[in-house]
Amino acid sequence: MDDAILVHTTTATAENARTIARSLVAERLAACVQIHPIESFYRWNGSVQTDTEFALQCKTVRSRYDAVAACIRRHHAYELPEIVVAAIAGGSKEYLAWIEESVSSTAAPLS
């Protein structure tokens, strides 16, 4: 079984978040993408910034990470998109198997 991971990114708009989410799922790069509105505080260009953003939590497998990151970069509006990975250390065997099956390159194409 391929290791399940969460890939996290943020966007400035809900529209950009939805574009990325749809692309990841349609291309079988993520089994599921959840979008949450958040408020972010960060340092950029030497000063503290605050913005409303949209966090994307993408469920996928480690072997698909490079393609996931490339898809995020291709659709992202930020100069430097946040792309971080967290391992899924455990969980329901059935759910983890669903993630792996959903991103399988041998599964039937999505419409």
C-alpha atoms as a PDB file:
ATOM      1  CA  MET A   1       0.000   0.000   0.000  1.00  0.00           C
ATOM      2  CA  ASP A   2       1.303   3.467  -0.945  1.00  0.00           C
ATOM      3  CA  ASP A   3       1.724   5.860   2.000  1.00  0.00           C
ATOM      4  CA  ALA A   4      -1.231   8.222   2.363  1.00  0.00           C
ATOM      5  CA  ILE A   5      -0.363  11.909   2.797  1.00  0.00           C
ATOM      6  CA  LEU A   6      -2.071  15.272   3.217  1.00  0.00           C
ATOM      7  CA  VAL A   7      -0.878  18.073   0.972  1.00  0.00           C
ATOM      8  CA  HIS A   8      -1.742  21.544   2.252  1.00  0.00           C
ATOM      9  CA  THR A   9      -1.881  24.785   0.307  1.00  0.00           C
ATOM     10  CA  THR A  10      -3.644  28.131   0.606  1.00  0.00           C
ATOM     11  CA  THR A  11      -5.166  30.497  -1.950  1.00  0.00           C
ATOM     12  CA  ALA A  12      -6.404  34.072  -1.885  1.00  0.00           C
ATOM     13  CA  THR A  13      -9.787  33.304  -3.426  1.00  0.00           C
ATOM     14  CA  ALA A  14     -12.419  30.606  -3.228  1.00  0.00           C
ATOM     15  CA  GLU A  15     -12.459  30.478  -7.032  1.00  0.00           C
ATOM     16  CA  ASN A  16      -8.732  29.661  -7.204  1.00  0.00           C
ATOM     17  CA  ALA A  17      -9.171  27.061  -4.449  1.00  0.00           C
ATOM     18  CA  ARG A  18     -12.013  25.396  -6.371  1.00  0.00           C
ATOM     19  CA  THR A  19     -10.006  25.389  -9.610  1.00  0.00           C
ATOM     20  CA  ILE A  20      -7.108  23.627  -7.894  1.00  0.00           C
ATOM     21  CA  ALA A  21      -9.412  21.182  -6.074  1.00  0.00           C
ATOM     22  CA  ARG A  22     -11.317  20.240  -9.240  1.00  0.00           C
ATOM     23  CA  SER A  23      -8.098  19.741 -11.201  1.00  0.00           C
ATOM     24  CA  LEU A  24      -6.512  17.548  -8.530  1.00  0.00           C
ATOM     25  CA  VAL A  25      -9.548  15.277  -8.260  1.00  0.00           C
ATOM     26  CA  ALA A  26     -10.306  15.177 -12.007  1.00  0.00           C
ATOM     27  CA  GLU A  27      -6.692  14.268 -12.797  1.00  0.00           C
ATOM     28  CA  ARG A  28      -6.748  11.516 -10.128  1.00  0.00           C
ATOM     29  CA  LEU A  29      -4.026  13.272  -8.167  1.00  0.00           C
ATOM     30  CA  ALA A  30      -6.125  13.598  -4.995  1.00  0.00           C
ATOM     31  CA  ALA A  31      -8.969  11.454  -3.725  1.00  0.00           C
ATOM     32  CA  CYS A  32     -10.549  14.381  -1.917  1.00  0.00           C
ATOM     33  CA  VAL A  33      -9.825  18.080  -1.388  1.00  0.00           C
ATOM     34  CA  GLN A  34     -11.440  20.040   1.415  1.00  0.00           C
ATOM     35  CA  ILE A  35     -11.548  23.835   1.338  1.00  0.00           C
ATOM     36  CA  HIS A  36     -11.749  25.907   4.518  1.00  0.00           C
ATOM     37  CA  PRO A  37     -11.810  29.724   4.916  1.00  0.00           C
ATOM     38  CA  ILE A  38      -9.019  30.887   7.246  1.00  0.00           C
ATOM     39  CA  GLU A  39      -7.302  34.045   8.449  1.00  0.00           C
ATOM     40  CA  SER A  40      -3.526  34.017   7.944  1.00  0.00           C
ATOM     41  CA  PHE A  41      -0.796  36.095   9.574  1.00  0.00           C
ATOM     42  CA  TYR A  42       2.619  35.838   7.923  1.00  0.00           C
ATOM     43  CA  ARG A  43       5.815  37.713   7.165  1.00  0.00           C
ATOM     44  CA  TRP A  44       6.242  38.742   3.515  1.00  0.00           C
ATOM     45  CA  ASN A  45       8.639  41.271   2.006  1.00  0.00           C
ATOM     46  CA  GLY A  46       9.857  42.354   5.435  1.00  0.00           C
ATOM     47  CA  SER A  47       6.511  43.073   7.090  1.00  0.00           C
ATOM     48  CA  VAL A  48       3.743  41.227   8.877  1.00  0.00           C
ATOM     49  CA  GLN A  49       0.714  40.640   6.658  1.00  0.00           C
ATOM     50  CA  THR A  50      -2.783  39.398   7.399  1.00  0.00           C
ATOM     51  CA  ASP A  51      -5.243  38.061   4.853  1.00  0.00           C
ATOM     52  CA  THR A  52      -8.346  35.985   4.507  1.00  0.00           C
ATOM     53  CA  GLU A  53      -7.358  32.866   2.603  1.00  0.00           C
ATOM     54  CA  PHE A  54      -8.706  29.462   1.692  1.00  0.00           C
ATOM     55  CA  ALA A  55      -6.886  26.363   2.957  1.00  0.00           C
ATOM     56  CA  LEU A  56      -6.926  23.226   0.816  1.00  0.00           C
ATOM     57  CA  GLN A  57      -6.381  19.851   2.461  1.00  0.00           C
ATOM     58  CA  CYS A  58      -5.630  17.317  -0.286  1.00  0.00           C
ATOM     59  CA  LYS A  59      -5.700  13.586   0.443  1.00  0.00           C
ATOM     60  CA  THR A  60      -3.387  11.603  -1.797  1.00  0.00           C
ATOM     61  CA  VAL A  61      -0.464   9.166  -1.732  1.00  0.00           C
ATOM     62  CA  ARG A  62       3.261   9.798  -1.585  1.00  0.00           C
ATOM     63  CA  SER A  63       3.942   8.505  -5.112  1.00  0.00           C
ATOM     64  CA  ARG A  64       1.625  11.197  -6.543  1.00  0.00           C
ATOM     65  CA  TYR A  65       3.198  14.107  -4.615  1.00  0.00           C
ATOM     66  CA  ASP A  66       5.333  15.506  -7.467  1.00  0.00           C
ATOM     67  CA  ALA A  67       2.326  15.581  -9.802  1.00  0.00           C
ATOM     68  CA  VAL A  68       0.136  17.145  -7.078  1.00  0.00           C
ATOM     69  CA  ALA A  69       2.712  19.893  -6.450  1.00  0.00           C
ATOM     70  CA  ALA A  70       3.044  20.543 -10.202  1.00  0.00           C
ATOM     71  CA  CYS A  71      -0.745  20.823 -10.576  1.00  0.00           C
ATOM     72  CA  ILE A  72      -0.950  23.245  -7.640  1.00  0.00           C
ATOM     73  CA  ARG A  73       1.828  25.399  -9.123  1.00  0.00           C
ATOM     74  CA  ARG A  74       0.206  25.327 -12.578  1.00  0.00           C
ATOM     75  CA  HIS A  75      -3.116  26.680 -11.280  1.00  0.00           C
ATOM     76  CA  HIS A  76      -1.965  28.806  -8.340  1.00  0.00           C
ATOM     77  CA  ALA A  77      -2.100  32.607  -8.385  1.00  0.00           C
ATOM     78  CA  TYR A  78       0.580  33.162  -5.706  1.00  0.00           C
ATOM     79  CA  GLU A  79       4.202  33.992  -6.500  1.00  0.00           C
ATOM     80  CA  LEU A  80       5.245  31.470  -3.833  1.00  0.00           C
ATOM     81  CA  PRO A  81       2.457  28.975  -3.099  1.00  0.00           C
ATOM     82  CA  GLU A  82       2.526  27.121   0.181  1.00  0.00           C
ATOM     83  CA  ILE A  83       2.857  23.406  -0.515  1.00  0.00           C
ATOM     84  CA  VAL A  84       3.511  21.280   2.558  1.00  0.00           C
ATOM     85  CA  VAL A  85       3.077  17.570   3.213  1.00  0.00           C
ATOM     86  CA  ALA A  86       2.048  15.664   6.325  1.00  0.00           C
ATOM     87  CA  ALA A  87       2.082  11.904   6.581  1.00  0.00           C
ATOM     88  CA  ILE A  88      -1.133  10.174   7.522  1.00  0.00           C
ATOM     89  CA  ALA A  89       0.157   7.971  10.326  1.00  0.00           C
ATOM     90  CA  GLY A  90      -2.958   5.830  10.588  1.00  0.00           C
ATOM     91  CA  GLY A  91      -6.654   5.624  10.035  1.00  0.00           C
ATOM     92  CA  SER A  92      -9.404   3.412   8.759  1.00  0.00           C
ATOM     93  CA  LYS A  93      -7.918   0.757   6.462  1.00  0.00           C
ATOM     94  CA  GLU A  94     -10.942   1.065   4.202  1.00  0.00           C
ATOM     95  CA  TYR A  95     -10.598   4.860   3.940  1.00  0.00           C
ATOM     96  CA  LEU A  96      -6.865   4.674   3.250  1.00  0.00           C
ATOM     97  CA  ALA A  97      -7.516   2.027   0.575  1.00  0.00           C
ATOM     98  CA  TRP A  98     -10.138   4.346  -0.980  1.00  0.00           C
ATOM     99  CA  ILE A  99      -7.563   7.148  -1.186  1.00  0.00           C
ATOM    100  CA  GLU A 100      -5.100   4.855  -2.941  1.00  0.00           C
ATOM    101  CA  GLU A 101      -7.730   3.471  -5.337  1.00  0.00           C
ATOM    102  CA  SER A 102      -9.038   6.973  -6.128  1.00  0.00           C
ATOM    103  CA  VAL A 103      -5.649   8.218  -7.289  1.00  0.00           C
ATOM    104  CA  SER A 104      -4.655   5.060  -9.131  1.00  0.00           C
ATOM    105  CA  SER A 105      -3.538   5.718 -12.686  1.00  0.00           C
ATOM    106  CA  THR A 106      -5.098   2.396 -13.728  1.00  0.00           C
ATOM    107  CA  ALA A 107      -8.633   3.303 -12.602  1.00  0.00           C
ATOM    108  CA  ALA A 108     -11.307   4.360 -15.085  1.00  0.00           C
ATOM    109  CA  PRO A 109     -11.049   8.009 -16.211  1.00  0.00           C
ATOM    110  CA  LEU A 110     -13.188  10.613 -14.447  1.00  0.00           C
ATOM    111  CA  SER A 111     -15.583  12.807 -16.344  1.00  0.00           C
END
